[in-house]
Structure formats: structure tokens, C-alpha cells
PDB file of N, CA and C in Angstrom:
ATOM      1  N   MET A   1      -2.165   8.705  -8.769  1.00  0.00           N
ATOM      2  CA  MET A   1      -0.994   8.811  -7.931  1.00  0.00           C
ATOM      3  C   MET A   1      -0.859  10.233  -7.417  1.00  0.00           C
ATOM      4  N   PRO A   2      -0.606  10.414  -6.127  1.00  0.00           N
ATOM      5  CA  PRO A   2      -0.491  11.767  -5.615  1.00  0.00           C
ATOM      6  C   PRO A   2       0.629  12.554  -6.290  1.00  0.00           C
ATOM      7  N   PHE A   3       1.659  11.859  -6.767  1.00  0.00           N
ATOM      8  CA  PHE A   3       2.770  12.542  -7.402  1.00  0.00           C
ATOM      9  C   PHE A   3       2.339  13.242  -8.685  1.00  0.00           C
ATOM     10  N   LEU A   4       1.250  12.808  -9.287  1.00  0.00           N
ATOM     11  CA  LEU A   4       0.766  13.417 -10.526  1.00  0.00           C
ATOM     12  C   LEU A   4       0.313  14.858 -10.341  1.00  0.00           C
ATOM     13  N   ARG A   5      -0.078  15.227  -9.129  1.00  0.00           N
ATOM     14  CA  ARG A   5      -0.585  16.574  -8.943  1.00  0.00           C
ATOM     15  C   ARG A   5       0.478  17.631  -9.225  1.00  0.00           C
ATOM     16  N   PHE A   6       1.747  17.237  -9.175  1.00  0.00           N
ATOM     17  CA  PHE A   6       2.807  18.189  -9.503  1.00  0.00           C
ATOM     18  C   PHE A   6       2.929  18.366 -11.010  1.00  0.00           C
ATOM     19  N   ILE A   7       2.505  17.370 -11.762  1.00  0.00           N
ATOM     20  CA  ILE A   7       2.561  17.414 -13.222  1.00  0.00           C
ATOM     21  C   ILE A   7       1.235  17.870 -13.796  1.00  0.00           C
ATOM     22  N   SER A   8       0.149  17.305 -13.303  1.00  0.00           N
ATOM     23  CA  SER A   8      -1.204  17.614 -13.773  1.00  0.00           C
ATOM     24  C   SER A   8      -2.097  17.928 -12.582  1.00  0.00           C
ATOM     25  N   PRO A   9      -2.224  19.218 -12.215  1.00  0.00           N
ATOM     26  CA  PRO A   9      -3.063  19.562 -11.064  1.00  0.00           C
ATOM     27  C   PRO A   9      -4.460  18.945 -11.173  1.00  0.00           C
ATOM     28  N   GLY A  10      -4.964  18.471 -10.040  1.00  0.00           N
ATOM     29  CA  GLY A  10      -6.280  17.837 -10.010  1.00  0.00           C
ATOM     30  C   GLY A  10      -6.231  16.338 -10.214  1.00  0.00           C
ATOM     31  N   MET A  11      -5.098  15.800 -10.681  1.00  0.00           N
ATOM     32  CA  MET A  11      -4.955  14.352 -10.893  1.00  0.00           C
ATOM     33  C   MET A  11      -4.201  13.782  -9.705  1.00  0.00           C
ATOM     34  N   GLU A  12      -4.926  13.405  -8.693  1.00  0.00           N
ATOM     35  CA  GLU A  12      -4.292  12.789  -7.544  1.00  0.00           C
ATOM     36  C   GLU A  12      -5.207  11.699  -7.011  1.00  0.00           C
ATOM     37  N   GLY A  13      -4.701  10.877  -6.144  1.00  0.00           N
ATOM     38  CA  GLY A  13      -5.490   9.787  -5.601  1.00  0.00           C
ATOM     39  C   GLY A  13      -4.593   8.740  -4.995  1.00  0.00           C
ATOM     40  N   ILE A  14      -4.934   7.510  -5.152  1.00  0.00           N
ATOM     41  CA  ILE A  14      -4.195   6.416  -4.541  1.00  0.00           C
ATOM     42  C   ILE A  14      -2.837   6.232  -5.202  1.00  0.00           C
ATOM     43  N   CYS A  15      -1.826   5.998  -4.376  1.00  0.00           N
ATOM     44  CA  CYS A  15      -0.487   5.722  -4.897  1.00  0.00           C
ATOM     45  C   CYS A  15      -0.534   4.496  -5.800  1.00  0.00           C
ATOM     46  N   CYS A  16      -1.070   3.443  -5.280  1.00  0.00           N
ATOM     47  CA  CYS A  16      -1.300   2.251  -6.075  1.00  0.00           C
ATOM     48  C   CYS A  16      -2.561   1.605  -5.511  1.00  0.00           C
ATOM     49  N   ASN A  17      -3.392   1.158  -6.351  1.00  0.00           N
ATOM     50  CA  ASN A  17      -4.679   0.619  -5.926  1.00  0.00           C
ATOM     51  C   ASN A  17      -4.527  -0.871  -5.638  1.00  0.00           C
ATOM     52  N   ILE A  18      -3.619  -1.160  -4.738  1.00  0.00           N
ATOM     53  CA  ILE A  18      -3.233  -2.531  -4.448  1.00  0.00           C
ATOM     54  C   ILE A  18      -4.412  -3.356  -3.925  1.00  0.00           C
ATOM     55  N   PHE A  19      -4.551  -4.539  -4.444  1.00  0.00           N
ATOM     56  CA  PHE A  19      -5.584  -5.511  -4.109  1.00  0.00           C
ATOM     57  C   PHE A  19      -6.976  -5.111  -4.582  1.00  0.00           C
ATOM     58  N   LYS A  20      -7.182  -3.896  -5.053  1.00  0.00           N
ATOM     59  CA  LYS A  20      -8.474  -3.489  -5.598  1.00  0.00           C
ATOM     60  C   LYS A  20      -8.438  -3.555  -7.113  1.00  0.00           C
ATOM     61  N   GLU A  21      -7.427  -2.959  -7.709  1.00  0.00           N
ATOM     62  CA  GLU A  21      -7.283  -2.986  -9.156  1.00  0.00           C
ATOM     63  C   GLU A  21      -5.948  -3.572  -9.589  1.00  0.00           C
ATOM     64  N   LEU A  22      -5.070  -3.817  -8.620  1.00  0.00           N
ATOM     65  CA  LEU A  22      -3.724  -4.272  -8.925  1.00  0.00           C
ATOM     66  C   LEU A  22      -3.354  -5.437  -8.020  1.00  0.00           C
ATOM     67  N   LEU A  23      -2.938  -6.527  -8.610  1.00  0.00           N
ATOM     68  CA  LEU A  23      -2.393  -7.661  -7.867  1.00  0.00           C
ATOM     69  C   LEU A  23      -0.988  -7.904  -8.375  1.00  0.00           C
ATOM     70  N   THR A  24      -0.076  -8.162  -7.478  1.00  0.00           N
ATOM     71  CA  THR A  24       1.287  -8.472  -7.877  1.00  0.00           C
ATOM     72  C   THR A  24       1.554  -9.937  -7.569  1.00  0.00           C
ATOM     73  N   ILE A  25       1.815 -10.691  -8.604  1.00  0.00           N
ATOM     74  CA  ILE A  25       2.127 -12.113  -8.464  1.00  0.00           C
ATOM     75  C   ILE A  25       3.515 -12.304  -9.051  1.00  0.00           C
ATOM     76  N   ASN A  26       4.445 -12.794  -8.244  1.00  0.00           N
ATOM     77  CA  ASN A  26       5.805 -12.966  -8.750  1.00  0.00           C
ATOM     78  C   ASN A  26       5.941 -14.278  -9.528  1.00  0.00           C
ATOM     79  N   CYS A  27       7.121 -14.518 -10.048  1.00  0.00           N
ATOM     80  CA  CYS A  27       7.321 -15.686 -10.918  1.00  0.00           C
ATOM     81  C   CYS A  27       7.207 -17.022 -10.176  1.00  0.00           C
ATOM     82  N   GLN A  28       7.234 -17.012  -8.834  1.00  0.00           N
ATOM     83  CA  GLN A  28       7.027 -18.238  -8.056  1.00  0.00           C
ATOM     84  C   GLN A  28       5.549 -18.462  -7.735  1.00  0.00           C
ATOM     85  N   GLY A  29       4.681 -17.544  -8.190  1.00  0.00           N
ATOM     86  CA  GLY A  29       3.251 -17.684  -7.936  1.00  0.00           C
ATOM     87  C   GLY A  29       2.791 -17.071  -6.632  1.00  0.00           C
ATOM     88  N   ASN A  30       3.658 -16.280  -5.997  1.00  0.00           N
ATOM     89  CA  ASN A  30       3.318 -15.656  -4.719  1.00  0.00           C
ATOM     90  C   ASN A  30       2.665 -14.297  -4.916  1.00  0.00           C
ATOM     91  N   LEU A  31       1.619 -14.043  -4.151  1.00  0.00           N
ATOM     92  CA  LEU A  31       0.973 -12.741  -4.106  1.00  0.00           C
ATOM     93  C   LEU A  31       1.782 -11.881  -3.150  1.00  0.00           C
ATOM     94  N   THR A  32       2.195 -10.699  -3.600  1.00  0.00           N
ATOM     95  CA  THR A  32       2.984  -9.807  -2.761  1.00  0.00           C
ATOM     96  C   THR A  32       2.262  -8.475  -2.591  1.00  0.00           C
ATOM     97  N   VAL A  33       2.646  -7.721  -1.561  1.00  0.00           N
ATOM     98  CA  VAL A  33       2.040  -6.429  -1.285  1.00  0.00           C
ATOM     99  C   VAL A  33       2.356  -5.436  -2.400  1.00  0.00           C
ATOM    100  N   CYS A  34       3.537  -5.518  -2.982  1.00  0.00           N
ATOM    101  CA  CYS A  34       3.973  -4.541  -3.982  1.00  0.00           C
ATOM    102  C   CYS A  34       4.875  -5.221  -4.988  1.00  0.00           C
ATOM    103  N   MET A  35       4.798  -4.772  -6.242  1.00  0.00           N
ATOM    104  CA  MET A  35       5.651  -5.377  -7.256  1.00  0.00           C
ATOM    105  C   MET A  35       7.123  -5.094  -6.993  1.00  0.00           C
ATOM    106  N   MET A  36       7.424  -4.090  -6.151  1.00  0.00           N
ATOM    107  CA  MET A  36       8.814  -3.781  -5.822  1.00  0.00           C
ATOM    108  C   MET A  36       9.243  -4.448  -4.529  1.00  0.00           C
ATOM    109  N   ASP A  37       8.388  -5.253  -3.952  1.00  0.00           N
ATOM    110  CA  ASP A  37       8.633  -5.809  -2.633  1.00  0.00           C
ATOM    111  C   ASP A  37       8.444  -7.321  -2.667  1.00  0.00           C
ATOM    112  N   SER A  38       9.076  -7.997  -1.750  1.00  0.00           N
ATOM    113  CA  SER A  38       8.941  -9.455  -1.704  1.00  0.00           C
ATOM    114  C   SER A  38       8.094  -9.903  -0.512  1.00  0.00           C
ATOM    115  N   PHE A  39       7.325  -9.002   0.098  1.00  0.00           N
ATOM    116  CA  PHE A  39       6.472  -9.380   1.220  1.00  0.00           C
ATOM    117  C   PHE A  39       5.403 -10.340   0.717  1.00  0.00           C
ATOM    118  N   ASN A  40       5.519 -11.579   1.102  1.00  0.00           N
ATOM    119  CA  ASN A  40       4.707 -12.658   0.576  1.00  0.00           C
ATOM    120  C   ASN A  40       3.395 -12.817   1.355  1.00  0.00           C
ATOM    121  N   ILE A  41       2.263 -12.691   0.649  1.00  0.00           N
ATOM    122  CA  ILE A  41       0.945 -12.924   1.247  1.00  0.00           C
ATOM    123  C   ILE A  41       0.631 -14.417   1.227  1.00  0.00           C
ATOM    124  N   GLY A  42       1.006 -15.082   0.161  1.00  0.00           N
ATOM    125  CA  GLY A  42       0.743 -16.503   0.009  1.00  0.00           C
ATOM    126  C   GLY A  42       0.882 -16.903  -1.440  1.00  0.00           C
ATOM    127  N   SER A  43       0.822 -18.179  -1.709  1.00  0.00           N
ATOM    128  CA  SER A  43       1.043 -18.702  -3.049  1.00  0.00           C
ATOM    129  C   SER A  43      -0.257 -19.066  -3.752  1.00  0.00           C
ATOM    130  N   PHE A  44      -0.377 -18.606  -5.001  1.00  0.00           N
ATOM    131  CA  PHE A  44      -1.512 -19.013  -5.829  1.00  0.00           C
ATOM    132  C   PHE A  44      -1.395 -20.478  -6.223  1.00  0.00           C
ATOM    133  N   LEU A  45      -0.218 -21.042  -6.088  1.00  0.00           N
ATOM    134  CA  LEU A  45      -0.023 -22.454  -6.415  1.00  0.00           C
ATOM    135  C   LEU A  45      -0.520 -23.356  -5.291  1.00  0.00           C
ATOM    136  N   GLN A  46      -0.652 -22.805  -4.082  1.00  0.00           N
ATOM    137  CA  GLN A  46      -1.062 -23.601  -2.930  1.00  0.00           C
ATOM    138  C   GLN A  46      -2.382 -23.149  -2.310  1.00  0.00           C
ATOM    139  N   ASN A  47      -2.879 -21.958  -2.692  1.00  0.00           N
ATOM    140  CA  ASN A  47      -4.089 -21.401  -2.080  1.00  0.00           C
ATOM    141  C   ASN A  47      -5.061 -20.936  -3.150  1.00  0.00           C
ATOM    142  N   GLU A  48      -6.318 -20.951  -2.811  1.00  0.00           N
ATOM    143  CA  GLU A  48      -7.344 -20.394  -3.687  1.00  0.00           C
ATOM    144  C   GLU A  48      -7.310 -18.868  -3.575  1.00  0.00           C
ATOM    145  N   PHE A  49      -7.769 -18.208  -4.622  1.00  0.00           N
ATOM    146  CA  PHE A  49      -7.797 -16.751  -4.664  1.00  0.00           C
ATOM    147  C   PHE A  49      -8.514 -16.167  -3.443  1.00  0.00           C
ATOM    148  N   ILE A  50      -9.669 -16.691  -3.116  1.00  0.00           N
ATOM    149  CA  ILE A  50     -10.468 -16.171  -2.002  1.00  0.00           C
ATOM    150  C   ILE A  50      -9.736 -16.330  -0.665  1.00  0.00           C
ATOM    151  N   GLU A  51      -8.960 -17.410  -0.517  1.00  0.00           N
ATOM    152  CA  GLU A  51      -8.180 -17.604   0.710  1.00  0.00           C
ATOM    153  C   GLU A  51      -7.136 -16.499   0.865  1.00  0.00           C
ATOM    154  N   LEU A  52      -6.458 -16.186  -0.227  1.00  0.00           N
ATOM    155  CA  LEU A  52      -5.439 -15.140  -0.179  1.00  0.00           C
ATOM    156  C   LEU A  52      -6.055 -13.768   0.086  1.00  0.00           C
ATOM    157  N   MET A  53      -7.180 -13.494  -0.568  1.00  0.00           N
ATOM    158  CA  MET A  53      -7.817 -12.184  -0.411  1.00  0.00           C
ATOM    159  C   MET A  53      -8.443 -12.003   0.969  1.00  0.00           C
ATOM    160  N   ASN A  54      -8.636 -13.086   1.710  1.00  0.00           N
ATOM    161  CA  ASN A  54      -9.180 -13.003   3.067  1.00  0.00           C
ATOM    162  C   ASN A  54      -8.107 -12.892   4.141  1.00  0.00           C
ATOM    163  N   LYS A  55      -6.843 -12.874   3.742  1.00  0.00           N
ATOM    164  CA  LYS A  55      -5.761 -12.742   4.717  1.00  0.00           C
ATOM    165  C   LYS A  55      -5.778 -11.334   5.314  1.00  0.00           C
ATOM    166  N   GLU A  56      -5.379 -11.235   6.556  1.00  0.00           N
ATOM    167  CA  GLU A  56      -5.426  -9.961   7.289  1.00  0.00           C
ATOM    168  C   GLU A  56      -4.614  -8.866   6.598  1.00  0.00           C
ATOM    169  N   LYS A  57      -3.453  -9.189   6.074  1.00  0.00           N
ATOM    170  CA  LYS A  57      -2.616  -8.177   5.415  1.00  0.00           C
ATOM    171  C   LYS A  57      -3.339  -7.593   4.201  1.00  0.00           C
ATOM    172  N   VAL A  58      -4.055  -8.401   3.460  1.00  0.00           N
ATOM    173  CA  VAL A  58      -4.822  -7.915   2.310  1.00  0.00           C
ATOM    174  C   VAL A  58      -5.959  -7.020   2.794  1.00  0.00           C
ATOM    175  N   LYS A  59      -6.651  -7.443   3.849  1.00  0.00           N
ATOM    176  CA  LYS A  59      -7.763  -6.658   4.378  1.00  0.00           C
ATOM    177  C   LYS A  59      -7.307  -5.274   4.840  1.00  0.00           C
ATOM    178  N   GLU A  60      -6.070  -5.179   5.331  1.00  0.00           N
ATOM    179  CA  GLU A  60      -5.544  -3.871   5.728  1.00  0.00           C
ATOM    180  C   GLU A  60      -5.559  -2.898   4.549  1.00  0.00           C
ATOM    181  N   PHE A  61      -5.222  -3.390   3.371  1.00  0.00           N
ATOM    182  CA  PHE A  61      -5.182  -2.521   2.197  1.00  0.00           C
ATOM    183  C   PHE A  61      -6.564  -2.300   1.596  1.00  0.00           C
ATOM    184  N   LEU A  62      -7.462  -3.238   1.787  1.00  0.00           N
ATOM    185  CA  LEU A  62      -8.821  -3.089   1.267  1.00  0.00           C
ATOM    186  C   LEU A  62      -9.696  -2.204   2.160  1.00  0.00           C
ATOM    187  N   ILE A  63      -9.349  -2.148   3.444  1.00  0.00           N
ATOM    188  CA  ILE A  63     -10.121  -1.350   4.407  1.00  0.00           C
ATOM    189  C   ILE A  63      -9.153  -0.346   5.045  1.00  0.00           C
ATOM    190  N   PRO A  64      -9.066   0.871   4.480  1.00  0.00           N
ATOM    191  CA  PRO A  64      -8.082   1.850   4.951  1.00  0.00           C
ATOM    192  C   PRO A  64      -8.096   2.095   6.455  1.00  0.00           C
ATOM    193  N   SER A  65      -9.246   2.006   7.113  1.00  0.00           N
ATOM    194  CA  SER A  65      -9.291   2.248   8.559  1.00  0.00           C
ATOM    195  C   SER A  65      -8.474   1.195   9.320  1.00  0.00           C
ATOM    196  N   LYS A  66      -8.425  -0.045   8.810  1.00  0.00           N
ATOM    197  CA  LYS A  66      -7.610  -1.086   9.451  1.00  0.00           C
ATOM    198  C   LYS A  66      -6.128  -0.731   9.366  1.00  0.00           C
ATOM    199  N   LEU A  67      -5.700  -0.258   8.189  1.00  0.00           N
ATOM    200  CA  LEU A  67      -4.301   0.117   7.998  1.00  0.00           C
ATOM    201  C   LEU A  67      -3.974   1.372   8.797  1.00  0.00           C
ATOM    202  N   LYS A  68      -4.864   2.365   8.754  1.00  0.00           N
ATOM    203  CA  LYS A  68      -4.603   3.631   9.448  1.00  0.00           C
ATOM    204  C   LYS A  68      -4.456   3.437  10.955  1.00  0.00           C
ATOM    205  N   SER A  69      -5.150   2.450  11.509  1.00  0.00           N
ATOM    206  CA  SER A  69      -5.030   2.213  12.948  1.00  0.00           C
ATOM    207  C   SER A  69      -3.641   1.713  13.337  1.00  0.00           C
ATOM    208  N   LYS A  70      -2.855   1.273  12.358  1.00  0.00           N
ATOM    209  CA  LYS A  70      -1.519   0.748  12.641  1.00  0.00           C
ATOM    210  C   LYS A  70      -0.386   1.673  12.204  1.00  0.00           C
ATOM    211  N   VAL A  71      -0.658   2.610  11.283  1.00  0.00           N
ATOM    212  CA  VAL A  71       0.426   3.466  10.788  1.00  0.00           C
ATOM    213  C   VAL A  71       0.853   4.468  11.841  1.00  0.00           C
ATOM    214  N   LYS A  72       2.087   4.959  11.678  1.00  0.00           N
ATOM    215  CA  LYS A  72       2.692   5.881  12.636  1.00  0.00           C
ATOM    216  C   LYS A  72       3.100   7.161  11.921  1.00  0.00           C
ATOM    217  N   GLY A  73       3.406   8.164  12.688  1.00  0.00           N
ATOM    218  CA  GLY A  73       3.936   9.411  12.145  1.00  0.00           C
ATOM    219  C   GLY A  73       2.891  10.212  11.399  1.00  0.00           C
ATOM    220  N   LYS A  74       3.327  10.970  10.397  1.00  0.00           N
ATOM    221  CA  LYS A  74       2.443  11.872   9.664  1.00  0.00           C
ATOM    222  C   LYS A  74       1.310  11.143   8.960  1.00  0.00           C
ATOM    223  N   CYS A  75       1.542   9.946   8.484  1.00  0.00           N
ATOM    224  CA  CYS A  75       0.482   9.190   7.798  1.00  0.00           C
ATOM    225  C   CYS A  75      -0.700   8.918   8.733  1.00  0.00           C
ATOM    226  N   ALA A  76      -0.429   8.769  10.020  1.00  0.00           N
ATOM    227  CA  ALA A  76      -1.486   8.451  10.984  1.00  0.00           C
ATOM    228  C   ALA A  76      -2.491   9.587  11.148  1.00  0.00           C
ATOM    229  N   THR A  77      -2.073  10.811  10.875  1.00  0.00           N
ATOM    230  CA  THR A  77      -2.966  11.959  11.049  1.00  0.00           C
ATOM    231  C   THR A  77      -3.304  12.651   9.730  1.00  0.00           C
ATOM    232  N   CYS A  78      -2.878  12.095   8.627  1.00  0.00           N
ATOM    233  CA  CYS A  78      -3.074  12.722   7.315  1.00  0.00           C
ATOM    234  C   CYS A  78      -4.545  12.671   6.883  1.00  0.00           C
ATOM    235  N   GLN A  79      -5.065  13.805   6.423  1.00  0.00           N
ATOM    236  CA  GLN A  79      -6.444  13.898   5.939  1.00  0.00           C
ATOM    237  C   GLN A  79      -6.643  13.143   4.623  1.00  0.00           C
ATOM    238  N   LYS A  80      -5.567  12.900   3.881  1.00  0.00           N
ATOM    239  CA  LYS A  80      -5.654  12.235   2.574  1.00  0.00           C
ATOM    240  C   LYS A  80      -5.381  10.734   2.659  1.00  0.00           C
ATOM    241  N   PHE A  81      -5.276  10.191   3.867  1.00  0.00           N
ATOM    242  CA  PHE A  81      -4.878   8.787   4.016  1.00  0.00           C
ATOM    243  C   PHE A  81      -5.780   7.815   3.261  1.00  0.00           C
ATOM    244  N   LYS A  82      -7.092   8.029   3.279  1.00  0.00           N
ATOM    245  CA  LYS A  82      -8.014   7.095   2.611  1.00  0.00           C
ATOM    246  C   LYS A  82      -7.795   7.072   1.101  1.00  0.00           C
ATOM    247  N   GLU A  83      -7.246   8.137   0.553  1.00  0.00           N
ATOM    248  CA  GLU A  83      -6.973   8.202  -0.885  1.00  0.00           C
ATOM    249  C   GLU A  83      -5.603   7.635  -1.223  1.00  0.00           C
ATOM    250  N   CYS A  84      -4.670   7.766  -0.304  1.00  0.00           N
ATOM    251  CA  CYS A  84      -3.267   7.518  -0.630  1.00  0.00           C
ATOM    252  C   CYS A  84      -2.648   6.316   0.083  1.00  0.00           C
ATOM    253  N   PHE A  85      -2.850   6.156   1.375  1.00  0.00           N
ATOM    254  CA  PHE A  85      -2.228   5.154   2.261  1.00  0.00           C
ATOM    255  C   PHE A  85      -0.758   5.431   2.537  1.00  0.00           C
ATOM    256  N   GLY A  86      -0.142   6.314   1.766  1.00  0.00           N
ATOM    257  CA  GLY A  86       1.309   6.424   1.805  1.00  0.00           C
ATOM    258  C   GLY A  86       1.863   5.171   1.160  1.00  0.00           C
ATOM    259  N   CYS A  87       3.066   5.226   0.692  1.00  0.00           N
ATOM    260  CA  CYS A  87       3.667   4.039   0.055  1.00  0.00           C
ATOM    261  C   CYS A  87       4.254   3.159   1.144  1.00  0.00           C
ATOM    262  N   ARG A  88       3.653   2.013   1.341  1.00  0.00           N
ATOM    263  CA  ARG A  88       4.130   1.082   2.369  1.00  0.00           C
ATOM    264  C   ARG A  88       5.499   0.524   2.018  1.00  0.00           C
ATOM    265  N   PHE A  89       5.814   0.420   0.716  1.00  0.00           N
ATOM    266  CA  PHE A  89       7.133  -0.065   0.300  1.00  0.00           C
ATOM    267  C   PHE A  89       8.217   0.943   0.678  1.00  0.00           C
ATOM    268  N   ILE A  90       7.965   2.237   0.418  1.00  0.00           N
ATOM    269  CA  ILE A  90       8.943   3.265   0.798  1.00  0.00           C
ATOM    270  C   ILE A  90       9.101   3.297   2.312  1.00  0.00           C
ATOM    271  N   ALA A  91       7.998   3.203   3.028  1.00  0.00           N
ATOM    272  CA  ALA A  91       8.060   3.183   4.491  1.00  0.00           C
ATOM    273  C   ALA A  91       8.954   2.040   4.965  1.00  0.00           C
ATOM    274  N   TYR A  92       8.760   0.863   4.396  1.00  0.00           N
ATOM    275  CA  TYR A  92       9.571  -0.294   4.797  1.00  0.00           C
ATOM    276  C   TYR A  92      11.030  -0.119   4.368  1.00  0.00           C
ATOM    277  N   SER A  93      11.246   0.379   3.166  1.00  0.00           N
ATOM    278  CA  SER A  93      12.608   0.561   2.659  1.00  0.00           C
ATOM    279  C   SER A  93      13.411   1.511   3.542  1.00  0.00           C
ATOM    280  N   LYS A  94      12.754   2.570   3.999  1.00  0.00           N
ATOM    281  CA  LYS A  94      13.443   3.577   4.812  1.00  0.00           C
ATOM    282  C   LYS A  94      13.580   3.169   6.277  1.00  0.00           C
ATOM    283  N   ASN A  95      12.583   2.475   6.821  1.00  0.00           N
ATOM    284  CA  ASN A  95      12.538   2.232   8.266  1.00  0.00           C
ATOM    285  C   ASN A  95      12.389   0.776   8.682  1.00  0.00           C
ATOM    286  N   GLN A  96      12.352  -0.158   7.726  1.00  0.00           N
ATOM    287  CA  GLN A  96      12.119  -1.574   8.007  1.00  0.00           C
ATOM    288  C   GLN A  96      10.835  -1.773   8.799  1.00  0.00           C
ATOM    289  N   ASP A  97       9.834  -0.923   8.498  1.00  0.00           N
ATOM    290  CA  ASP A  97       8.550  -0.977   9.189  1.00  0.00           C
ATOM    291  C   ASP A  97       7.463  -0.558   8.198  1.00  0.00           C
ATOM    292  N   TYR A  98       6.578  -1.481   7.837  1.00  0.00           N
ATOM    293  CA  TYR A  98       5.500  -1.174   6.890  1.00  0.00           C
ATOM    294  C   TYR A  98       4.560  -0.100   7.406  1.00  0.00           C
ATOM    295  N   TYR A  99       4.522   0.086   8.698  1.00  0.00           N
ATOM    296  CA  TYR A  99       3.566   1.009   9.295  1.00  0.00           C
ATOM    297  C   TYR A  99       4.149   2.388   9.583  1.00  0.00           C
ATOM    298  N   SER A 100       5.414   2.615   9.253  1.00  0.00           N
ATOM    299  CA  SER A 100       5.978   3.956   9.425  1.00  0.00           C
ATOM    300  C   SER A 100       5.459   4.863   8.308  1.00  0.00           C
ATOM    301  N   SER A 101       5.688   6.161   8.434  1.00  0.00           N
ATOM    302  CA  SER A 101       5.206   7.107   7.425  1.00  0.00           C
ATOM    303  C   SER A 101       6.016   7.014   6.143  1.00  0.00           C
ATOM    304  N   ASP A 102       5.376   7.365   5.053  1.00  0.00           N
ATOM    305  CA  ASP A 102       6.018   7.446   3.744  1.00  0.00           C
ATOM    306  C   ASP A 102       6.852   8.722   3.722  1.00  0.00           C
ATOM    307  N   ALA A 103       8.162   8.576   3.776  1.00  0.00           N
ATOM    308  CA  ALA A 103       9.071   9.723   3.855  1.00  0.00           C
ATOM    309  C   ALA A 103       9.040  10.601   2.609  1.00  0.00           C
ATOM    310  N   TYR A 104       8.574  10.075   1.484  1.00  0.00           N
ATOM    311  CA  TYR A 104       8.579  10.835   0.234  1.00  0.00           C
ATOM    312  C   TYR A 104       7.188  11.263  -0.214  1.00  0.00           C
ATOM    313  N   CYS A 105       6.218  11.198   0.660  1.00  0.00           N
ATOM    314  CA  CYS A 105       4.847  11.541   0.297  1.00  0.00           C
ATOM    315  C   CYS A 105       4.745  13.008  -0.101  1.00  0.00           C
ATOM    316  N   PRO A 106       4.182  13.308  -1.255  1.00  0.00           N
ATOM    317  CA  PRO A 106       4.063  14.710  -1.689  1.00  0.00           C
ATOM    318  C   PRO A 106       3.085  15.519  -0.840  1.00  0.00           C
ATOM    319  N   TYR A 107       2.189  14.874  -0.136  1.00  0.00           N
ATOM    320  CA  TYR A 107       1.276  15.619   0.723  1.00  0.00           C
ATOM    321  C   TYR A 107       2.011  16.289   1.886  1.00  0.00           C
ATOM    322  N   HIS A 108       3.144  15.708   2.284  1.00  0.00           N
ATOM    323  CA  HIS A 108       3.940  16.292   3.368  1.00  0.00           C
ATOM    324  C   HIS A 108       4.629  17.573   2.915  1.00  0.00           C
ATOM    325  N   PHE A 109       4.837  17.700   1.606  1.00  0.00           N
ATOM    326  CA  PHE A 109       5.588  18.840   1.088  1.00  0.00           C
ATOM    327  C   PHE A 109       4.684  19.950   0.555  1.00  0.00           C
ATOM    328  N   SER A 110       3.361  19.770   0.629  1.00  0.00           N
ATOM    329  CA  SER A 110       2.455  20.786   0.081  1.00  0.00           C
ATOM    330  C   SER A 110       2.132  21.861   1.093  1.00  0.00           C
TER     331      SER A 110
END
């Protein structure tokens, strides 16, 4: 997590390794973008794993260049984007837009 660099210098990287090392499945069986968010990718009760992982929204997180082509503001020009992505949940919470910049990104304050 990029926030770790303030606590332990040298320990930085992806905010959350969503869809690569982390899957969020809610109690209804839905795959979501973030455990703090209800953005529904699809249901494990109605779809096979491979079907869900082939959805465009998932591919955006698996292929940073796809996501970066859609983000706006500071995240769009950030040199650390491939490591971090910015927090899409914070972006949505602040601006109702998943593609806006992460207002609390520590890279903006360095």
C-alpha cells in the first residue's frame, strides 16, 4: 500500500491488488470491485468464475493501461499509476466517478 511508505520507507506498491490477489464476494454471492463498495461485477451464483473475470470492468484492473486510459486528473499523468491505480473507491466516494483521481493519494502529497 502506498500509505505504508509513511510508516515504513521502501514499503509501497499497489493500494489493493484487486482481482489479482484479492477478490471481494459479498454475502449475496456478488463479485464487487472493492470490499467497501457495492459496484457489482456479477454473481458467482449465476456465472462461472471465468465469465466474471472476463468482464471489461475486471480487465480494467488487471491491465493498468486500460484503466489509465479512462482515469482523469492527477492519476492520469502519475508515474506510479501502474503500481497504485489510485483508490477507485475513494474516487467514486468523493466524485461519484470511478475514473476521477484519488483525492487522498499519498503520491500527490510527496
